[in-house]
């Protein structure tokens, strides 16, 4: 857990109204919080963007390669812990969104790839962040053709088995997808 905090997931889930069978029904595995993170930048509102060292190295290489090819990538979100995930859902509930609608676009606390410090939500200039229109950009086309070379995969394509909405902006680095180091 981040900062050695003890998190009572059943209590958080009950508070948020997340069904007890959520993970099993959606075929999701628990996602552990990263313990070693490094800073890769800041958001426009000053929040630090953090990734694991390996994911950060792969991101830097992918970012530079894309930029060399004229593709501008921007990080909207990276690591977020279980408690931050709960805050996001709590905020959406307070705005009147239904839990089922929220869980179509946000994983329940404990199940977000962002917890691992390997997931990125990306954008490009001129595009609304975290919007489907990202799929129509040159940046998305570039990522689709090149991200795997750097170990990144699109986590939630159309029709994904986990029941999440298509998220063209959400890419996750995995060691199994990473190129061999020489």
C-alpha atoms as a PDB file:
ATOM      1  CA  UNK A   1       0.000   0.000   0.000  1.00  0.00           C
ATOM      2  CA  UNK A   2       1.114   3.528  -0.689  1.00  0.00           C
ATOM      3  CA  UNK A   3       2.890   5.119   2.291  1.00  0.00           C
ATOM      4  CA  UNK A   4       2.300   1.886   4.248  1.00  0.00           C
ATOM      5  CA  UNK A   5      -1.350   2.876   4.728  1.00  0.00           C
ATOM      6  CA  UNK A   6      -3.734   0.102   5.599  1.00  0.00           C
ATOM      7  CA  UNK A   7      -6.732   0.144   3.295  1.00  0.00           C
ATOM      8  CA  UNK A   8      -9.959  -1.668   4.122  1.00  0.00           C
ATOM      9  CA  UNK A   9     -11.230  -2.475   0.620  1.00  0.00           C
ATOM     10  CA  UNK A  10     -14.472  -4.163   1.718  1.00  0.00           C
ATOM     11  CA  UNK A  11     -15.355  -1.062   3.737  1.00  0.00           C
ATOM     12  CA  UNK A  12     -14.522   1.273   0.826  1.00  0.00           C
ATOM     13  CA  UNK A  13     -16.519  -0.877  -1.606  1.00  0.00           C
ATOM     14  CA  UNK A  14     -19.523  -0.937   0.739  1.00  0.00           C
ATOM     15  CA  UNK A  15     -19.365   2.836   1.146  1.00  0.00           C
ATOM     16  CA  UNK A  16     -19.225   3.349  -2.623  1.00  0.00           C
ATOM     17  CA  UNK A  17     -21.907   0.765  -3.430  1.00  0.00           C
ATOM     18  CA  UNK A  18     -19.629  -1.519  -5.443  1.00  0.00           C
ATOM     19  CA  UNK A  19     -21.176  -5.000  -5.785  1.00  0.00           C
ATOM     20  CA  UNK A  20     -19.280  -7.718  -3.891  1.00  0.00           C
ATOM     21  CA  UNK A  21     -19.050  -9.858  -7.064  1.00  0.00           C
ATOM     22  CA  UNK A  22     -17.713  -6.962  -9.200  1.00  0.00           C
ATOM     23  CA  UNK A  23     -14.191  -8.345  -9.797  1.00  0.00           C
ATOM     24  CA  UNK A  24     -15.290 -11.911 -10.452  1.00  0.00           C
ATOM     25  CA  UNK A  25     -18.093 -10.832 -12.796  1.00  0.00           C
ATOM     26  CA  UNK A  26     -15.731  -8.568 -14.754  1.00  0.00           C
ATOM     27  CA  UNK A  27     -12.777 -10.983 -14.792  1.00  0.00           C
ATOM     28  CA  UNK A  28     -10.476  -8.527 -13.029  1.00  0.00           C
ATOM     29  CA  UNK A  29      -7.414  -9.282 -10.945  1.00  0.00           C
ATOM     30  CA  UNK A  30      -6.334  -7.171  -7.957  1.00  0.00           C
ATOM     31  CA  UNK A  31      -3.726  -4.573  -8.901  1.00  0.00           C
ATOM     32  CA  UNK A  32      -1.076  -3.964  -6.232  1.00  0.00           C
ATOM     33  CA  UNK A  33       0.054  -0.436  -5.498  1.00  0.00           C
ATOM     34  CA  UNK A  34       3.543   0.361  -6.693  1.00  0.00           C
ATOM     35  CA  UNK A  35       6.065   0.932  -3.929  1.00  0.00           C
ATOM     36  CA  UNK A  36       8.871   2.460  -5.997  1.00  0.00           C
ATOM     37  CA  UNK A  37       7.862   5.441  -8.122  1.00  0.00           C
ATOM     38  CA  UNK A  38       9.699   8.231  -9.892  1.00  0.00           C
ATOM     39  CA  UNK A  39       8.456  11.595 -11.119  1.00  0.00           C
ATOM     40  CA  UNK A  40       7.914  11.963 -14.879  1.00  0.00           C
ATOM     41  CA  UNK A  41       6.385  15.454 -14.794  1.00  0.00           C
ATOM     42  CA  UNK A  42       3.366  17.372 -13.561  1.00  0.00           C
ATOM     43  CA  UNK A  43      -0.170  17.895 -14.772  1.00  0.00           C
ATOM     44  CA  UNK A  44      -1.433  21.331 -15.722  1.00  0.00           C
ATOM     45  CA  UNK A  45      -2.908  21.710 -12.244  1.00  0.00           C
ATOM     46  CA  UNK A  46       0.379  20.791 -10.551  1.00  0.00           C
ATOM     47  CA  UNK A  47      -0.228  17.141  -9.596  1.00  0.00           C
ATOM     48  CA  UNK A  48       2.901  15.019  -9.833  1.00  0.00           C
ATOM     49  CA  UNK A  49       2.927  12.282 -12.440  1.00  0.00           C
ATOM     50  CA  UNK A  50       4.590   9.109 -11.186  1.00  0.00           C
ATOM     51  CA  UNK A  51       5.547   5.768 -12.750  1.00  0.00           C
ATOM     52  CA  UNK A  52       7.683   2.808 -11.748  1.00  0.00           C
ATOM     53  CA  UNK A  53      11.287   3.235 -12.904  1.00  0.00           C
ATOM     54  CA  UNK A  54      10.976   0.628 -15.693  1.00  0.00           C
ATOM     55  CA  UNK A  55       7.706   2.065 -16.994  1.00  0.00           C
ATOM     56  CA  UNK A  56       9.160   5.587 -16.795  1.00  0.00           C
ATOM     57  CA  UNK A  57      12.175   4.556 -18.899  1.00  0.00           C
ATOM     58  CA  UNK A  58       9.928   2.924 -21.496  1.00  0.00           C
ATOM     59  CA  UNK A  59       7.633   5.991 -21.504  1.00  0.00           C
ATOM     60  CA  UNK A  60      10.577   8.351 -22.033  1.00  0.00           C
ATOM     61  CA  UNK A  61      11.831   6.275 -24.967  1.00  0.00           C
ATOM     62  CA  UNK A  62       8.366   6.088 -26.525  1.00  0.00           C
ATOM     63  CA  UNK A  63       7.735   9.801 -25.970  1.00  0.00           C
ATOM     64  CA  UNK A  64      11.041  10.788 -27.605  1.00  0.00           C
ATOM     65  CA  UNK A  65      10.538   8.442 -30.556  1.00  0.00           C
ATOM     66  CA  UNK A  66       7.032   9.793 -31.129  1.00  0.00           C
ATOM     67  CA  UNK A  67       8.268  13.388 -30.907  1.00  0.00           C
ATOM     68  CA  UNK A  68      10.999  12.634 -33.448  1.00  0.00           C
ATOM     69  CA  UNK A  69       8.224  11.478 -35.779  1.00  0.00           C
ATOM     70  CA  UNK A  70       6.195  14.655 -35.205  1.00  0.00           C
ATOM     71  CA  UNK A  71       3.746  13.107 -32.722  1.00  0.00           C
ATOM     72  CA  UNK A  72       3.071  15.055 -29.523  1.00  0.00           C
ATOM     73  CA  UNK A  73       2.029  12.908 -26.566  1.00  0.00           C
ATOM     74  CA  UNK A  74       0.924  14.335 -23.227  1.00  0.00           C
ATOM     75  CA  UNK A  75       0.382  12.476 -19.957  1.00  0.00           C
ATOM     76  CA  UNK A  76      -2.973  13.237 -18.343  1.00  0.00           C
ATOM     77  CA  UNK A  77      -2.716  10.669 -15.545  1.00  0.00           C
ATOM     78  CA  UNK A  78      -0.266   8.065 -14.293  1.00  0.00           C
ATOM     79  CA  UNK A  79       0.016   6.387 -10.873  1.00  0.00           C
ATOM     80  CA  UNK A  80      -2.874   6.757  -8.496  1.00  0.00           C
ATOM     81  CA  UNK A  81      -3.355   4.814  -5.322  1.00  0.00           C
ATOM     82  CA  UNK A  82      -6.363   2.987  -3.994  1.00  0.00           C
ATOM     83  CA  UNK A  83      -7.468   5.902  -1.832  1.00  0.00           C
ATOM     84  CA  UNK A  84      -7.269   8.326  -4.783  1.00  0.00           C
ATOM     85  CA  UNK A  85      -9.313   5.903  -6.899  1.00  0.00           C
ATOM     86  CA  UNK A  86     -11.957   5.887  -4.167  1.00  0.00           C
ATOM     87  CA  UNK A  87     -11.941   9.722  -4.122  1.00  0.00           C
ATOM     88  CA  UNK A  88     -12.574   9.834  -7.882  1.00  0.00           C
ATOM     89  CA  UNK A  89     -15.551   7.486  -7.583  1.00  0.00           C
ATOM     90  CA  UNK A  90     -16.850   9.317  -4.502  1.00  0.00           C
ATOM     91  CA  UNK A  91     -16.729  12.606  -6.429  1.00  0.00           C
ATOM     92  CA  UNK A  92     -18.671  11.146  -9.365  1.00  0.00           C
ATOM     93  CA  UNK A  93     -21.290   9.720  -7.004  1.00  0.00           C
ATOM     94  CA  UNK A  94     -21.649  13.154  -5.381  1.00  0.00           C
ATOM     95  CA  UNK A  95     -22.358  14.604  -8.847  1.00  0.00           C
ATOM     96  CA  UNK A  96     -25.223  12.141  -9.196  1.00  0.00           C
ATOM     97  CA  UNK A  97     -23.615   9.539 -11.463  1.00  0.00           C
ATOM     98  CA  UNK A  98     -24.784   5.960 -10.982  1.00  0.00           C
ATOM     99  CA  UNK A  99     -22.240   3.417  -9.750  1.00  0.00           C
ATOM    100  CA  UNK A 100     -22.777   1.166 -12.792  1.00  0.00           C
ATOM    101  CA  UNK A 101     -22.001   4.065 -15.147  1.00  0.00           C
ATOM    102  CA  UNK A 102     -18.911   4.981 -13.124  1.00  0.00           C
ATOM    103  CA  UNK A 103     -17.636   1.395 -13.153  1.00  0.00           C
ATOM    104  CA  UNK A 104     -17.900   1.354 -16.948  1.00  0.00           C
ATOM    105  CA  UNK A 105     -15.070   3.910 -17.082  1.00  0.00           C
ATOM    106  CA  UNK A 106     -13.302   3.613 -13.708  1.00  0.00           C
ATOM    107  CA  UNK A 107     -12.082   0.424 -12.081  1.00  0.00           C
ATOM    108  CA  UNK A 108     -13.065  -0.142  -8.482  1.00  0.00           C
ATOM    109  CA  UNK A 109     -10.393   0.682  -5.898  1.00  0.00           C
ATOM    110  CA  UNK A 110      -7.916  -2.173  -5.783  1.00  0.00           C
ATOM    111  CA  UNK A 111      -8.436  -3.077  -9.464  1.00  0.00           C
ATOM    112  CA  UNK A 112      -7.105  -0.088 -11.419  1.00  0.00           C
ATOM    113  CA  UNK A 113      -3.985  -0.518 -13.537  1.00  0.00           C
ATOM    114  CA  UNK A 114      -3.054   2.973 -12.356  1.00  0.00           C
ATOM    115  CA  UNK A 115      -2.278   1.462  -8.922  1.00  0.00           C
ATOM    116  CA  UNK A 116       0.647  -0.430 -10.449  1.00  0.00           C
ATOM    117  CA  UNK A 117       2.508   2.692 -11.555  1.00  0.00           C
ATOM    118  CA  UNK A 118       2.643   1.309 -15.111  1.00  0.00           C
ATOM    119  CA  UNK A 119      -0.507   2.849 -16.642  1.00  0.00           C
ATOM    120  CA  UNK A 120      -0.760   6.136 -18.498  1.00  0.00           C
ATOM    121  CA  UNK A 121      -3.708   8.125 -19.732  1.00  0.00           C
ATOM    122  CA  UNK A 122      -2.428   9.989 -22.783  1.00  0.00           C
ATOM    123  CA  UNK A 123      -3.577  12.904 -24.874  1.00  0.00           C
ATOM    124  CA  UNK A 124      -2.340  15.133 -27.675  1.00  0.00           C
ATOM    125  CA  UNK A 125      -2.655  18.898 -28.232  1.00  0.00           C
ATOM    126  CA  UNK A 126      -6.062  20.002 -29.498  1.00  0.00           C
ATOM    127  CA  UNK A 127      -7.889  16.972 -28.117  1.00  0.00           C
ATOM    128  CA  UNK A 128     -10.191  16.943 -25.100  1.00  0.00           C
ATOM    129  CA  UNK A 129      -8.500  14.780 -22.439  1.00  0.00           C
ATOM    130  CA  UNK A 130     -10.006  11.368 -21.701  1.00  0.00           C
ATOM    131  CA  UNK A 131     -12.396  11.589 -24.637  1.00  0.00           C
ATOM    132  CA  UNK A 132     -13.201   9.140 -27.399  1.00  0.00           C
ATOM    133  CA  UNK A 133     -12.026  11.644 -30.002  1.00  0.00           C
ATOM    134  CA  UNK A 134      -8.462  10.633 -29.082  1.00  0.00           C
ATOM    135  CA  UNK A 135      -9.072   7.531 -31.229  1.00  0.00           C
ATOM    136  CA  UNK A 136      -9.285   9.804 -34.281  1.00  0.00           C
ATOM    137  CA  UNK A 137      -5.885  11.452 -33.741  1.00  0.00           C
ATOM    138  CA  UNK A 138      -2.509  10.867 -35.341  1.00  0.00           C
ATOM    139  CA  UNK A 139      -1.203  10.213 -31.820  1.00  0.00           C
ATOM    140  CA  UNK A 140      -3.566   7.253 -31.356  1.00  0.00           C
ATOM    141  CA  UNK A 141      -2.705   5.874 -34.792  1.00  0.00           C
ATOM    142  CA  UNK A 142       0.987   6.175 -33.921  1.00  0.00           C
ATOM    143  CA  UNK A 143       0.490   4.445 -30.555  1.00  0.00           C
ATOM    144  CA  UNK A 144      -1.483   1.638 -32.209  1.00  0.00           C
ATOM    145  CA  UNK A 145       1.398   0.999 -34.589  1.00  0.00           C
ATOM    146  CA  UNK A 146       4.358   1.590 -32.271  1.00  0.00           C
ATOM    147  CA  UNK A 147       3.532   1.372 -28.534  1.00  0.00           C
ATOM    148  CA  UNK A 148       4.123  -2.389 -28.341  1.00  0.00           C
ATOM    149  CA  UNK A 149       7.777  -1.824 -29.334  1.00  0.00           C
ATOM    150  CA  UNK A 150       8.161  -0.023 -26.000  1.00  0.00           C
ATOM    151  CA  UNK A 151       6.149  -2.539 -23.965  1.00  0.00           C
ATOM    152  CA  UNK A 152       2.863  -0.602 -23.891  1.00  0.00           C
ATOM    153  CA  UNK A 153      -0.542  -2.026 -24.779  1.00  0.00           C
ATOM    154  CA  UNK A 154      -3.994  -0.549 -25.155  1.00  0.00           C
ATOM    155  CA  UNK A 155      -5.759  -1.871 -22.060  1.00  0.00           C
ATOM    156  CA  UNK A 156      -9.386  -1.344 -22.996  1.00  0.00           C
ATOM    157  CA  UNK A 157     -10.063  -1.711 -26.720  1.00  0.00           C
ATOM    158  CA  UNK A 158     -13.596  -1.849 -28.075  1.00  0.00           C
ATOM    159  CA  UNK A 159     -15.405  -4.941 -26.818  1.00  0.00           C
ATOM    160  CA  UNK A 160     -12.838  -5.728 -24.117  1.00  0.00           C
ATOM    161  CA  UNK A 161     -13.760  -8.685 -21.891  1.00  0.00           C
ATOM    162  CA  UNK A 162     -13.801  -6.591 -18.701  1.00  0.00           C
ATOM    163  CA  UNK A 163     -16.808  -4.491 -19.660  1.00  0.00           C
ATOM    164  CA  UNK A 164     -14.961  -1.171 -19.654  1.00  0.00           C
ATOM    165  CA  UNK A 165     -15.815   1.484 -22.196  1.00  0.00           C
ATOM    166  CA  UNK A 166     -13.330   1.873 -25.063  1.00  0.00           C
ATOM    167  CA  UNK A 167     -10.478   3.975 -23.685  1.00  0.00           C
ATOM    168  CA  UNK A 168      -8.139   4.896 -26.536  1.00  0.00           C
ATOM    169  CA  UNK A 169      -6.090   7.038 -24.131  1.00  0.00           C
ATOM    170  CA  UNK A 170      -5.284   4.295 -21.556  1.00  0.00           C
ATOM    171  CA  UNK A 171      -2.003   2.451 -22.160  1.00  0.00           C
ATOM    172  CA  UNK A 172      -0.216   0.129 -19.746  1.00  0.00           C
ATOM    173  CA  UNK A 173       3.408  -0.983 -19.716  1.00  0.00           C
ATOM    174  CA  UNK A 174       4.048  -4.627 -18.945  1.00  0.00           C
ATOM    175  CA  UNK A 175       7.366  -6.369 -18.588  1.00  0.00           C
ATOM    176  CA  UNK A 176       6.076  -9.230 -20.724  1.00  0.00           C
ATOM    177  CA  UNK A 177       5.437  -6.741 -23.566  1.00  0.00           C
ATOM    178  CA  UNK A 178       8.739  -4.929 -23.085  1.00  0.00           C
ATOM    179  CA  UNK A 179      11.509  -5.350 -25.654  1.00  0.00           C
ATOM    180  CA  UNK A 180      14.478  -7.444 -24.561  1.00  0.00           C
ATOM    181  CA  UNK A 181      17.260  -5.442 -22.980  1.00  0.00           C
ATOM    182  CA  UNK A 182      20.707  -6.001 -24.376  1.00  0.00           C
END
